[in-house]
């Protein structure tokens, strides 16, 4: 009977290759995001935002 249970749902989980591709894609996305966030333009914008937030009087 176990054969029928597995045959009824052949795509129940990810295979090792799919995990590897997903991991590589996530690492690639993280690398691109890191480059964007650490770029001079974005760093300057974040610094200005923090300065503006700290200069607000209550």
C-alpha atoms as a PDB file:
ATOM      1  CA  UNK A   1       0.000   0.000   0.000  1.00  0.00           C
ATOM      2  CA  UNK A   2       2.798   2.586   0.600  1.00  0.00           C
ATOM      3  CA  UNK A   3       3.473   2.649  -3.149  1.00  0.00           C
ATOM      4  CA  UNK A   4      -0.027   3.929  -3.870  1.00  0.00           C
ATOM      5  CA  UNK A   5       0.258   6.620  -1.211  1.00  0.00           C
ATOM      6  CA  UNK A   6       3.442   8.008  -2.774  1.00  0.00           C
ATOM      7  CA  UNK A   7       2.165   7.586  -6.332  1.00  0.00           C
ATOM      8  CA  UNK A   8      -0.927   9.656  -5.561  1.00  0.00           C
ATOM      9  CA  UNK A   9       1.185  12.660  -4.560  1.00  0.00           C
ATOM     10  CA  UNK A  10       4.488  12.580  -6.505  1.00  0.00           C
ATOM     11  CA  UNK A  11       5.363  16.253  -5.822  1.00  0.00           C
ATOM     12  CA  UNK A  12       4.849  16.220  -2.070  1.00  0.00           C
ATOM     13  CA  UNK A  13       8.181  17.900  -1.272  1.00  0.00           C
ATOM     14  CA  UNK A  14      11.249  19.499  -2.712  1.00  0.00           C
ATOM     15  CA  UNK A  15      14.169  17.403  -3.838  1.00  0.00           C
ATOM     16  CA  UNK A  16      17.763  18.113  -2.936  1.00  0.00           C
ATOM     17  CA  UNK A  17      18.388  19.781  -6.288  1.00  0.00           C
ATOM     18  CA  UNK A  18      15.427  22.102  -5.777  1.00  0.00           C
ATOM     19  CA  UNK A  19      16.741  23.052  -2.339  1.00  0.00           C
ATOM     20  CA  UNK A  20      20.143  23.774  -3.868  1.00  0.00           C
ATOM     21  CA  UNK A  21      18.653  25.993  -6.581  1.00  0.00           C
ATOM     22  CA  UNK A  22      16.512  27.796  -4.012  1.00  0.00           C
ATOM     23  CA  UNK A  23      19.533  28.360  -1.770  1.00  0.00           C
ATOM     24  CA  UNK A  24      21.643  29.710  -4.626  1.00  0.00           C
ATOM     25  CA  UNK A  25      18.816  32.035  -5.689  1.00  0.00           C
ATOM     26  CA  UNK A  26      18.399  33.304  -2.117  1.00  0.00           C
ATOM     27  CA  UNK A  27      22.144  33.922  -1.821  1.00  0.00           C
ATOM     28  CA  UNK A  28      22.156  35.790  -5.123  1.00  0.00           C
ATOM     29  CA  UNK A  29      19.251  37.954  -4.019  1.00  0.00           C
ATOM     30  CA  UNK A  30      20.987  38.648  -0.697  1.00  0.00           C
ATOM     31  CA  UNK A  31      24.176  39.682  -2.509  1.00  0.00           C
ATOM     32  CA  UNK A  32      22.299  42.093  -4.775  1.00  0.00           C
ATOM     33  CA  UNK A  33      20.367  43.513  -1.822  1.00  0.00           C
ATOM     34  CA  UNK A  34      23.617  43.978   0.136  1.00  0.00           C
ATOM     35  CA  UNK A  35      25.201  45.854  -2.784  1.00  0.00           C
ATOM     36  CA  UNK A  36      22.161  48.123  -3.106  1.00  0.00           C
ATOM     37  CA  UNK A  37      21.927  48.879   0.613  1.00  0.00           C
ATOM     38  CA  UNK A  38      25.658  49.545   0.959  1.00  0.00           C
ATOM     39  CA  UNK A  39      25.813  51.738  -2.144  1.00  0.00           C
ATOM     40  CA  UNK A  40      26.762  55.373  -1.635  1.00  0.00           C
ATOM     41  CA  UNK A  41      23.358  56.721  -2.711  1.00  0.00           C
ATOM     42  CA  UNK A  42      21.347  54.509  -0.371  1.00  0.00           C
ATOM     43  CA  UNK A  43      23.785  54.979   2.532  1.00  0.00           C
ATOM     44  CA  UNK A  44      23.512  58.740   2.118  1.00  0.00           C
ATOM     45  CA  UNK A  45      19.731  58.604   2.013  1.00  0.00           C
ATOM     46  CA  UNK A  46      19.618  56.484   5.174  1.00  0.00           C
ATOM     47  CA  UNK A  47      22.046  58.840   6.931  1.00  0.00           C
ATOM     48  CA  UNK A  48      19.905  61.866   5.994  1.00  0.00           C
ATOM     49  CA  UNK A  49      16.785  60.078   7.195  1.00  0.00           C
ATOM     50  CA  UNK A  50      18.377  59.266  10.556  1.00  0.00           C
ATOM     51  CA  UNK A  51      19.698  62.828  10.933  1.00  0.00           C
ATOM     52  CA  UNK A  52      16.250  64.258  10.171  1.00  0.00           C
ATOM     53  CA  UNK A  53      14.634  61.897  12.673  1.00  0.00           C
ATOM     54  CA  UNK A  54      17.097  62.884  15.393  1.00  0.00           C
ATOM     55  CA  UNK A  55      16.666  66.608  14.719  1.00  0.00           C
ATOM     56  CA  UNK A  56      12.904  66.544  15.265  1.00  0.00           C
ATOM     57  CA  UNK A  57      11.950  68.494  18.354  1.00  0.00           C
ATOM     58  CA  UNK A  58       9.348  67.199  20.747  1.00  0.00           C
END
